[in-house]
Protein backbone atom coordinates (compact mmCIF):
# COMPACT_ATOMS: atom_id res chain seq x y z
CA UNK A 1 53.45 -188.34 -133.39
CA UNK A 2 55.11 -191.75 -132.91
CA UNK A 3 51.93 -193.51 -133.99
CA UNK A 4 52.60 -192.38 -137.60
CA UNK A 5 56.33 -193.15 -137.75
CA UNK A 6 57.17 -195.52 -140.57
CA UNK A 7 53.64 -195.41 -141.92
CA UNK A 8 52.37 -194.23 -145.26
CA UNK A 9 49.58 -191.64 -145.10
CA UNK A 10 47.51 -190.36 -147.98
CA UNK A 11 46.16 -186.87 -148.43
CA UNK A 12 45.17 -184.40 -151.10
CA UNK A 13 46.56 -181.09 -152.39
CA UNK A 14 43.78 -178.54 -151.89
CA UNK A 15 45.62 -175.56 -153.42
CA UNK A 16 49.04 -174.40 -154.64
CA UNK A 17 50.55 -170.90 -154.38
CA UNK A 18 53.64 -168.92 -155.37
CA UNK A 19 54.77 -165.32 -155.28
CA UNK A 20 57.49 -162.83 -154.46
CA UNK A 21 55.50 -160.37 -152.35
CA UNK A 22 57.37 -158.46 -149.63
CA UNK A 23 54.74 -159.50 -147.05
CA UNK A 24 55.39 -163.20 -147.95
CA UNK A 25 51.80 -163.67 -149.20
CA UNK A 26 51.36 -165.78 -152.32
CA UNK A 27 48.94 -166.04 -155.25
CA UNK A 28 46.89 -169.16 -156.00
CA UNK A 29 47.94 -171.14 -159.08
CA UNK A 30 46.55 -174.22 -160.80
CA UNK A 31 49.94 -175.94 -160.66
CA UNK A 32 53.55 -175.35 -159.63
CA UNK A 33 56.76 -176.58 -161.20
CA UNK A 34 58.96 -178.01 -158.43
CA UNK A 35 62.63 -177.87 -159.35
CA UNK A 36 65.66 -178.67 -157.25
CA UNK A 37 66.04 -175.39 -155.38
CA UNK A 38 62.38 -174.41 -155.17
CA UNK A 39 59.22 -173.49 -157.02
CA UNK A 40 59.54 -171.37 -160.16
CA UNK A 41 58.60 -167.74 -159.50
CA UNK A 42 58.62 -168.05 -155.72
CA UNK A 43 60.34 -165.81 -153.18
CA UNK A 44 61.92 -168.82 -151.44
CA UNK A 45 63.43 -170.32 -154.58
CA UNK A 46 67.19 -170.74 -154.53
CA UNK A 47 69.96 -172.79 -152.94
CA UNK A 48 70.78 -170.26 -150.20
CA UNK A 49 69.05 -167.79 -147.90
CA UNK A 50 70.02 -165.16 -145.31
CA UNK A 51 69.53 -165.95 -141.65
CA UNK A 52 67.29 -163.75 -139.55
CA UNK A 53 67.59 -162.55 -135.97
CA UNK A 54 67.38 -165.39 -133.43
CA UNK A 55 68.99 -168.15 -135.50
CA UNK A 56 72.28 -169.78 -134.47
CA UNK A 57 74.30 -167.74 -136.96
CA UNK A 58 74.33 -163.91 -136.92
CA UNK A 59 71.44 -162.31 -138.85
CA UNK A 60 72.29 -161.94 -142.53
CA UNK A 61 74.60 -164.96 -142.71
CA UNK A 62 74.31 -166.84 -146.02
CA UNK A 63 73.35 -170.46 -145.41
CA UNK A 64 71.79 -173.45 -147.19
CA UNK A 65 68.12 -172.83 -147.93
CA UNK A 66 66.11 -175.48 -146.07
CA UNK A 67 62.91 -173.52 -146.76
CA UNK A 68 62.36 -174.04 -150.53
CA UNK A 69 58.70 -174.83 -149.89
CA UNK A 70 56.16 -174.44 -147.12
CA UNK A 71 52.96 -176.33 -146.50
CA UNK A 72 49.91 -176.11 -144.24
CA UNK A 73 46.76 -178.18 -143.79
CA UNK A 74 43.11 -177.17 -143.97
CA UNK A 75 42.48 -178.94 -140.66
CA UNK A 76 45.08 -176.85 -138.85
CA UNK A 77 44.01 -173.61 -140.58
CA UNK A 78 40.43 -174.31 -139.43
CA UNK A 79 41.66 -174.82 -135.87
CA UNK A 80 43.52 -171.47 -135.90
CA UNK A 81 40.51 -169.73 -137.50
CA UNK A 82 38.20 -171.02 -134.76
CA UNK A 83 40.59 -170.20 -131.91
CA UNK A 84 41.06 -166.63 -133.23
CA UNK A 85 37.30 -166.32 -133.87
CA UNK A 86 37.99 -165.00 -137.37
CA UNK A 87 35.01 -163.96 -139.46
CA UNK A 88 36.66 -165.32 -142.64
CA UNK A 89 38.75 -168.53 -142.79
CA UNK A 90 42.51 -168.07 -142.54
CA UNK A 91 43.95 -168.48 -146.02
CA UNK A 92 47.14 -170.38 -146.89
CA UNK A 93 48.01 -167.48 -149.23
CA UNK A 94 48.10 -165.07 -146.27
CA UNK A 95 50.49 -167.39 -144.42
CA UNK A 96 52.77 -167.57 -147.46
CA UNK A 97 52.30 -171.32 -147.90
CA UNK A 98 53.12 -172.91 -151.23
CA UNK A 99 50.89 -175.92 -150.63
CA UNK A 100 47.71 -176.57 -148.68
CA UNK A 101 46.81 -180.18 -147.90
CA UNK A 102 43.87 -182.03 -146.40
CA UNK A 103 43.54 -185.43 -144.83
CA UNK A 104 47.00 -185.62 -143.22
CA UNK A 105 46.62 -185.88 -139.43
CA UNK A 106 48.85 -183.58 -137.36
CA UNK A 107 50.50 -182.24 -140.52
CA UNK A 108 52.74 -179.79 -138.62
CA UNK A 109 54.22 -182.65 -136.59
CA UNK A 110 55.57 -184.60 -139.58
CA UNK A 111 59.19 -185.37 -138.70
CA UNK A 112 62.27 -184.23 -140.59
CA UNK A 113 62.98 -186.68 -143.39
CA UNK A 114 59.33 -187.36 -144.25
CA UNK A 115 58.78 -187.58 -148.01
CA UNK A 116 55.72 -186.24 -149.84
CA UNK A 117 55.33 -188.05 -153.17
CA UNK A 118 53.13 -186.69 -155.98
CA UNK A 119 51.67 -188.31 -159.14
CA UNK A 120 54.16 -186.50 -161.43
CA UNK A 121 57.07 -188.09 -159.56
CA UNK A 122 57.87 -184.89 -157.64
CA UNK A 123 59.12 -185.55 -154.11
CA UNK A 124 59.28 -182.98 -151.32
CA UNK A 125 61.35 -183.59 -148.21
CA UNK A 126 60.31 -182.16 -144.83
CA UNK A 127 63.12 -180.26 -143.10
CA UNK A 128 61.40 -178.75 -140.08
CA UNK A 129 58.34 -177.36 -138.37
CA UNK A 130 57.54 -173.75 -139.35
CA UNK A 131 56.96 -171.84 -136.08
CA UNK A 132 54.54 -168.88 -135.92
CA UNK A 133 56.09 -165.42 -135.61
CA UNK A 134 54.75 -162.04 -134.52
CA UNK A 135 55.48 -160.49 -137.96
CA UNK A 136 52.97 -162.89 -139.51
CA UNK A 137 50.62 -162.17 -136.59
CA UNK A 138 50.71 -158.45 -137.44
CA UNK A 139 49.78 -159.21 -141.07
CA UNK A 140 46.88 -161.41 -139.95
CA UNK A 141 45.67 -158.74 -137.51
CA UNK A 142 45.70 -156.14 -140.32
CA UNK A 143 43.81 -158.34 -142.83
CA UNK A 144 41.25 -160.25 -140.76
CA UNK A 145 38.30 -159.28 -138.59
CA UNK A 146 37.39 -161.21 -135.48
CA UNK A 147 34.27 -161.87 -133.41
CA UNK A 148 36.39 -161.79 -130.24
CA UNK A 149 35.86 -158.98 -127.75
CA UNK A 150 39.58 -158.19 -127.62
CA UNK A 151 41.23 -156.80 -130.79
CA UNK A 152 43.94 -158.95 -132.37
CA UNK A 153 47.56 -157.98 -131.87
CA UNK A 154 50.70 -159.31 -133.51
CA UNK A 155 51.00 -161.90 -130.74
CA UNK A 156 47.34 -163.03 -130.57
CA UNK A 157 47.85 -165.79 -133.12
CA UNK A 158 50.99 -167.29 -131.55
CA UNK A 159 49.31 -169.65 -129.10
CA UNK A 160 46.55 -170.95 -131.47
CA UNK A 161 49.15 -171.47 -134.25
CA UNK A 162 51.77 -173.23 -132.10
CA UNK A 163 52.14 -176.78 -133.36
CA UNK A 164 49.81 -176.03 -136.29
CA UNK A 165 51.75 -173.58 -138.47
CA UNK A 166 52.88 -176.19 -141.01
CA UNK A 167 56.26 -177.39 -142.20
CA UNK A 168 59.03 -176.30 -144.56
CA UNK A 169 61.45 -178.32 -146.64
CA UNK A 170 63.39 -178.90 -149.84
CA UNK A 171 62.53 -180.40 -153.19
CA UNK A 172 64.14 -183.81 -153.52
CA UNK A 173 62.83 -184.77 -156.98
CA UNK A 174 61.55 -182.31 -159.60
CA UNK A 175 58.04 -182.46 -161.06
CA UNK A 176 54.68 -180.74 -161.40
CA UNK A 177 52.34 -180.38 -158.42
CA UNK A 178 48.70 -179.59 -159.12
CA UNK A 179 45.70 -178.61 -157.03
CA UNK A 180 43.66 -181.80 -156.63
CA UNK A 181 46.68 -184.14 -156.69
CA UNK A 182 46.74 -187.07 -154.30
CA UNK A 183 49.86 -187.10 -152.13
CA UNK A 184 51.54 -190.08 -150.50
CA UNK A 185 53.23 -189.16 -147.22
CA UNK A 186 56.05 -191.51 -146.26
CA UNK A 187 56.57 -190.64 -142.61
CA UNK A 188 60.22 -190.86 -141.60
CA UNK A 189 61.08 -193.36 -138.94
CA UNK A 190 64.33 -193.06 -137.01
CA UNK A 191 66.30 -196.27 -137.55
CA UNK A 192 66.80 -198.44 -134.49
CA UNK A 193 70.59 -198.37 -134.30
CA UNK A 194 72.25 -200.35 -131.56
CA UNK A 195 75.96 -199.92 -131.04
CA UNK A 196 77.85 -203.16 -130.46
């Protein structure tokens, strides 16, 4: 990913989604209002969240919500679809993504601190890579048919999705984000600090 550090990339918002479904799926919208703390009407809106099993803190601990938004790319969804041999393309709504982009190489590898800037002035900040989990794999297996000879299980999608599941982050500047918007991606570059 170093080849993109410090560079400005340009992409496009293909679709936007929000929802509060228990299975984390979302509904397509024409636009989303990004406010400090998340997208209006979305399950991941709010300044805090509870930790889950496997995080540093015990499950259920209240912590800062670094997952106000999630994004994926069409290129990476296509890769996962092909690797799983799905009959229908994998949808960003199934994965619970708020935003689906195109034209941003290696989207899931954008480093923490990268800024996504939209025409309205809205700015999203990348916090971290969003790793695939077997719970999401079970939902995919229950919703999608495959051409593969082996049936899908909850773990089938883990390898194809590794490094391609997208990113999560926080909203740095409020504004409207619309399907069709151009997005400027200011890739974070670690400063070269030399101690004297």
